[in-house]
C-alpha cells in the first residue's frame, strides 16, 4: 500500500521523476513477488 501512496504523492505534486521511480520500484517488487510465488521460493509468514 505504501508503494501506491508514494506513486500518488509524486503525481499529486507533479514530480514526474519521483513518480517514475516509485512506479519502477513498485513494478520491480511485484515482479519479484510473482516470480517467488511461481518458483515456490517465497516464505510463509
PDB file of N, CA and C in Angstrom:
ATOM      1  N   UNK A   1       0.814  -1.189   0.000  1.00  0.00           N
ATOM      2  CA  UNK A   1       0.000   0.000   0.000  1.00  0.00           C
ATOM      3  C   UNK A   1       0.862   1.260   0.000  1.00  0.00           C
ATOM      4  N   UNK A   2       1.963   1.244   0.741  1.00  0.00           N
ATOM      5  CA  UNK A   2       2.808   2.437   0.803  1.00  0.00           C
ATOM      6  C   UNK A   2       3.417   2.761  -0.563  1.00  0.00           C
ATOM      7  N   UNK A   3       3.645   1.712  -1.365  1.00  0.00           N
ATOM      8  CA  UNK A   3       4.174   1.962  -2.706  1.00  0.00           C
ATOM      9  C   UNK A   3       3.155   2.726  -3.544  1.00  0.00           C
ATOM     10  N   UNK A   4       1.900   2.370  -3.404  1.00  0.00           N
ATOM     11  CA  UNK A   4       0.847   3.073  -4.149  1.00  0.00           C
ATOM     12  C   UNK A   4       0.763   4.530  -3.709  1.00  0.00           C
ATOM     13  N   UNK A   5       0.856   4.758  -2.417  1.00  0.00           N
ATOM     14  CA  UNK A   5       0.786   6.124  -1.903  1.00  0.00           C
ATOM     15  C   UNK A   5       1.966   6.960  -2.384  1.00  0.00           C
ATOM     16  N   UNK A   6       3.137   6.365  -2.477  1.00  0.00           N
ATOM     17  CA  UNK A   6       4.307   7.090  -2.969  1.00  0.00           C
ATOM     18  C   UNK A   6       4.096   7.526  -4.415  1.00  0.00           C
ATOM     19  N   UNK A   7       3.499   6.658  -5.206  1.00  0.00           N
ATOM     20  CA  UNK A   7       3.205   6.993  -6.604  1.00  0.00           C
ATOM     21  C   UNK A   7       2.195   8.137  -6.666  1.00  0.00           C
ATOM     22  N   UNK A   8       1.130   8.013  -5.903  1.00  0.00           N
ATOM     23  CA  UNK A   8       0.090   9.045  -5.908  1.00  0.00           C
ATOM     24  C   UNK A   8       0.615  10.384  -5.389  1.00  0.00           C
ATOM     25  N   UNK A   9       1.435  10.350  -4.342  1.00  0.00           N
ATOM     26  CA  UNK A   9       2.000  11.588  -3.810  1.00  0.00           C
ATOM     27  C   UNK A   9       2.869  12.279  -4.860  1.00  0.00           C
ATOM     28  N   UNK A  10       3.681  11.501  -5.545  1.00  0.00           N
ATOM     29  CA  UNK A  10       4.549  12.081  -6.571  1.00  0.00           C
ATOM     30  C   UNK A  10       3.722  12.681  -7.705  1.00  0.00           C
ATOM     31  N   UNK A  11       2.665  11.997  -8.103  1.00  0.00           N
ATOM     32  CA  UNK A  11       1.791  12.528  -9.157  1.00  0.00           C
ATOM     33  C   UNK A  11       1.089  13.800  -8.694  1.00  0.00           C
ATOM     34  N   UNK A  12       0.628  13.782  -7.453  1.00  0.00           N
ATOM     35  CA  UNK A  12      -0.106  14.937  -6.921  1.00  0.00           C
ATOM     36  C   UNK A  12       0.756  16.191  -6.858  1.00  0.00           C
ATOM     37  N   UNK A  13       2.054  15.994  -6.629  1.00  0.00           N
ATOM     38  CA  UNK A  13       2.955  17.147  -6.547  1.00  0.00           C
ATOM     39  C   UNK A  13       3.552  17.503  -7.904  1.00  0.00           C
ATOM     40  N   UNK A  14       3.219  16.708  -8.919  1.00  0.00           N
ATOM     41  CA  UNK A  14       3.723  16.989 -10.260  1.00  0.00           C
ATOM     42  C   UNK A  14       5.176  16.595 -10.467  1.00  0.00           C
ATOM     43  N   UNK A  15       5.695  15.717  -9.610  1.00  0.00           N
ATOM     44  CA  UNK A  15       7.095  15.287  -9.706  1.00  0.00           C
ATOM     45  C   UNK A  15       7.176  14.031 -10.571  1.00  0.00           C
ATOM     46  N   UNK A  16       7.364  14.235 -11.852  1.00  0.00           N
ATOM     47  CA  UNK A  16       7.371  13.127 -12.808  1.00  0.00           C
ATOM     48  C   UNK A  16       8.505  12.147 -12.535  1.00  0.00           C
ATOM     49  N   UNK A  17       9.665  12.657 -12.182  1.00  0.00           N
ATOM     50  CA  UNK A  17      10.791  11.760 -11.913  1.00  0.00           C
ATOM     51  C   UNK A  17      10.522  10.874 -10.706  1.00  0.00           C
ATOM     52  N   UNK A  18      10.011  11.447  -9.643  1.00  0.00           N
ATOM     53  CA  UNK A  18       9.695  10.661  -8.447  1.00  0.00           C
ATOM     54  C   UNK A  18       8.591   9.654  -8.742  1.00  0.00           C
ATOM     55  N   UNK A  19       7.606  10.044  -9.537  1.00  0.00           N
ATOM     56  CA  UNK A  19       6.519   9.132  -9.902  1.00  0.00           C
ATOM     57  C   UNK A  19       7.068   7.956 -10.700  1.00  0.00           C
ATOM     58  N   UNK A  20       7.943   8.246 -11.637  1.00  0.00           N
ATOM     59  CA  UNK A  20       8.541   7.176 -12.444  1.00  0.00           C
ATOM     60  C   UNK A  20       9.353   6.228 -11.568  1.00  0.00           C
ATOM     61  N   UNK A  21      10.166   6.786 -10.686  1.00  0.00           N
ATOM     62  CA  UNK A  21      10.984   5.954  -9.805  1.00  0.00           C
ATOM     63  C   UNK A  21      10.117   5.111  -8.872  1.00  0.00           C
ATOM     64  N   UNK A  22       9.062   5.712  -8.337  1.00  0.00           N
ATOM     65  CA  UNK A  22       8.164   4.976  -7.446  1.00  0.00           C
ATOM     66  C   UNK A  22       7.453   3.854  -8.198  1.00  0.00           C
ATOM     67  N   UNK A  23       7.042   4.126  -9.422  1.00  0.00           N
ATOM     68  CA  UNK A  23       6.370   3.105 -10.220  1.00  0.00           C
ATOM     69  C   UNK A  23       7.336   1.983 -10.596  1.00  0.00           C
ATOM     70  N   UNK A  24       8.550   2.333 -10.971  1.00  0.00           N
ATOM     71  CA  UNK A  24       9.546   1.305 -11.297  1.00  0.00           C
ATOM     72  C   UNK A  24       9.824   0.423 -10.085  1.00  0.00           C
ATOM     73  N   UNK A  25       9.947   1.050  -8.916  1.00  0.00           N
ATOM     74  CA  UNK A  25      10.182   0.282  -7.690  1.00  0.00           C
ATOM     75  C   UNK A  25       9.008  -0.662  -7.433  1.00  0.00           C
ATOM     76  N   UNK A  26       7.799  -0.159  -7.568  1.00  0.00           N
ATOM     77  CA  UNK A  26       6.607  -0.971  -7.347  1.00  0.00           C
ATOM     78  C   UNK A  26       6.565  -2.152  -8.318  1.00  0.00           C
ATOM     79  N   UNK A  27       6.811  -1.898  -9.576  1.00  0.00           N
ATOM     80  CA  UNK A  27       6.780  -2.974 -10.572  1.00  0.00           C
ATOM     81  C   UNK A  27       7.859  -4.009 -10.276  1.00  0.00           C
ATOM     82  N   UNK A  28       9.044  -3.563  -9.885  1.00  0.00           N
ATOM     83  CA  UNK A  28      10.112  -4.496  -9.518  1.00  0.00           C
ATOM     84  C   UNK A  28       9.705  -5.381  -8.348  1.00  0.00           C
ATOM     85  N   UNK A  29       9.041  -4.789  -7.345  1.00  0.00           N
ATOM     86  CA  UNK A  29       8.607  -5.553  -6.178  1.00  0.00           C
ATOM     87  C   UNK A  29       7.520  -6.559  -6.553  1.00  0.00           C
ATOM     88  N   UNK A  30       6.578  -6.139  -7.373  1.00  0.00           N
ATOM     89  CA  UNK A  30       5.514  -7.049  -7.811  1.00  0.00           C
ATOM     90  C   UNK A  30       6.107  -8.192  -8.621  1.00  0.00           C
ATOM     91  N   UNK A  31       7.023  -7.870  -9.529  1.00  0.00           N
ATOM     92  CA  UNK A  31       7.673  -8.892 -10.349  1.00  0.00           C
ATOM     93  C   UNK A  31       8.375  -9.915  -9.464  1.00  0.00           C
ATOM     94  N   UNK A  32       9.134  -9.445  -8.480  1.00  0.00           N
ATOM     95  CA  UNK A  32       9.870 -10.338  -7.590  1.00  0.00           C
ATOM     96  C   UNK A  32       8.913 -11.226  -6.794  1.00  0.00           C
ATOM     97  N   UNK A  33       7.803 -10.658  -6.348  1.00  0.00           N
ATOM     98  CA  UNK A  33       6.821 -11.431  -5.595  1.00  0.00           C
ATOM     99  C   UNK A  33       6.196 -12.521  -6.459  1.00  0.00           C
ATOM    100  N   UNK A  34       5.834 -12.176  -7.675  1.00  0.00           N
ATOM    101  CA  UNK A  34       5.225 -13.154  -8.583  1.00  0.00           C
ATOM    102  C   UNK A  34       6.208 -14.273  -8.895  1.00  0.00           C
ATOM    103  N   UNK A  35       7.442 -13.926  -9.195  1.00  0.00           N
ATOM    104  CA  UNK A  35       8.452 -14.945  -9.505  1.00  0.00           C
ATOM    105  C   UNK A  35       8.673 -15.851  -8.298  1.00  0.00           C
ATOM    106  N   UNK A  36       8.757 -15.257  -7.115  1.00  0.00           N
ATOM    107  CA  UNK A  36       8.957 -16.056  -5.907  1.00  0.00           C
ATOM    108  C   UNK A  36       7.808 -17.030  -5.698  1.00  0.00           C
ATOM    109  N   UNK A  37       6.604 -16.570  -5.911  1.00  0.00           N
ATOM    110  CA  UNK A  37       5.449 -17.453  -5.720  1.00  0.00           C
ATOM    111  C   UNK A  37       5.386 -18.552  -6.777  1.00  0.00           C
ATOM    112  N   UNK A  38       5.721 -18.218  -8.013  1.00  0.00           N
ATOM    113  CA  UNK A  38       5.677 -19.212  -9.083  1.00  0.00           C
ATOM    114  C   UNK A  38       6.764 -20.265  -8.941  1.00  0.00           C
ATOM    115  N   UNK A  39       7.887 -19.878  -8.368  1.00  0.00           N
ATOM    116  CA  UNK A  39       9.000 -20.818  -8.219  1.00  0.00           C
ATOM    117  C   UNK A  39       8.992 -21.506  -6.852  1.00  0.00           C
ATOM    118  N   UNK A  40       8.054 -21.110  -5.995  1.00  0.00           N
ATOM    119  CA  UNK A  40       7.973 -21.721  -4.677  1.00  0.00           C
ATOM    120  C   UNK A  40       9.051 -21.257  -3.723  1.00  0.00           C
ATOM    121  N   UNK A  41       9.685 -20.155  -4.039  1.00  0.00           N
ATOM    122  CA  UNK A  41      10.775 -19.678  -3.172  1.00  0.00           C
ATOM    123  C   UNK A  41      10.338 -18.633  -2.167  1.00  0.00           C
ATOM    124  N   UNK A  42       9.039 -18.379  -2.085  1.00  0.00           N
ATOM    125  CA  UNK A  42       8.558 -17.398  -1.105  1.00  0.00           C
ATOM    126  C   UNK A  42       8.423 -18.054   0.256  1.00  0.00           C
ATOM    127  N   UNK A  43       8.522 -17.248   1.288  1.00  0.00           N
ATOM    128  CA  UNK A  43       8.379 -17.750   2.647  1.00  0.00           C
ATOM    129  C   UNK A  43       6.982 -17.414   3.151  1.00  0.00           C
ATOM    130  N   UNK A  44       6.433 -18.305   3.886  1.00  0.00           N
ATOM    131  CA  UNK A  44       5.141 -18.037   4.524  1.00  0.00           C
ATOM    132  C   UNK A  44       5.421 -17.378   5.865  1.00  0.00           C
ATOM    133  N   UNK A  45       4.687 -16.277   6.135  1.00  0.00           N
ATOM    134  CA  UNK A  45       4.852 -15.573   7.398  1.00  0.00           C
ATOM    135  C   UNK A  45       3.804 -15.992   8.392  1.00  0.00           C
TER     136      UNK A  45
END
